[in-house]
Amino acid sequence: STRTPKSYENNSFSPTAATQQQTISPPAPPAGPPSYRTIIQKLIKDNEPQKLPQLDKVLAKYNGREEELILKLDARYKKMKQKSDAILQDLETSEKQKEPVSLAARSGEGKQSLEDHGGIKQ
């Protein structure tokens, strides 16, 4: 009978493993452009996140006309941003134009000065 030497008994080397080649998967292809759904979802999420539950309904309505939907949403959100920016600018302008009222004016001590300049008359 042939006996395997002790030095080879616990060796993990096997002739079949040595002849098998490691399979290496090819690199992933470069990411393509985002899908219409991804673009529309991002537009809605960034501007009107409360409307995200309606995404599938909107996509079904514009099926085959996704580019039209993207253009409409883009125009809508630009207009909304312009309005928002205008409101913020108006608020900032009105805040800058407000002058603090002095304690003297609040207590009535400034009334005489206003009367002298054609303001409040009692």
Foldseek 3Di string as FASTA:
>chain_A
DDDDDPVPPPDPDDPVVVPDDDDDDDDDDPDDDDDLLVLVLVLCCVQPVVCNVCSVVVCVVCPVNSVVVSVVSVVVRVVVVVVVVVVVVVVVVVVVPDDDDDPCVVVPVCVVVLVVVVHDDD
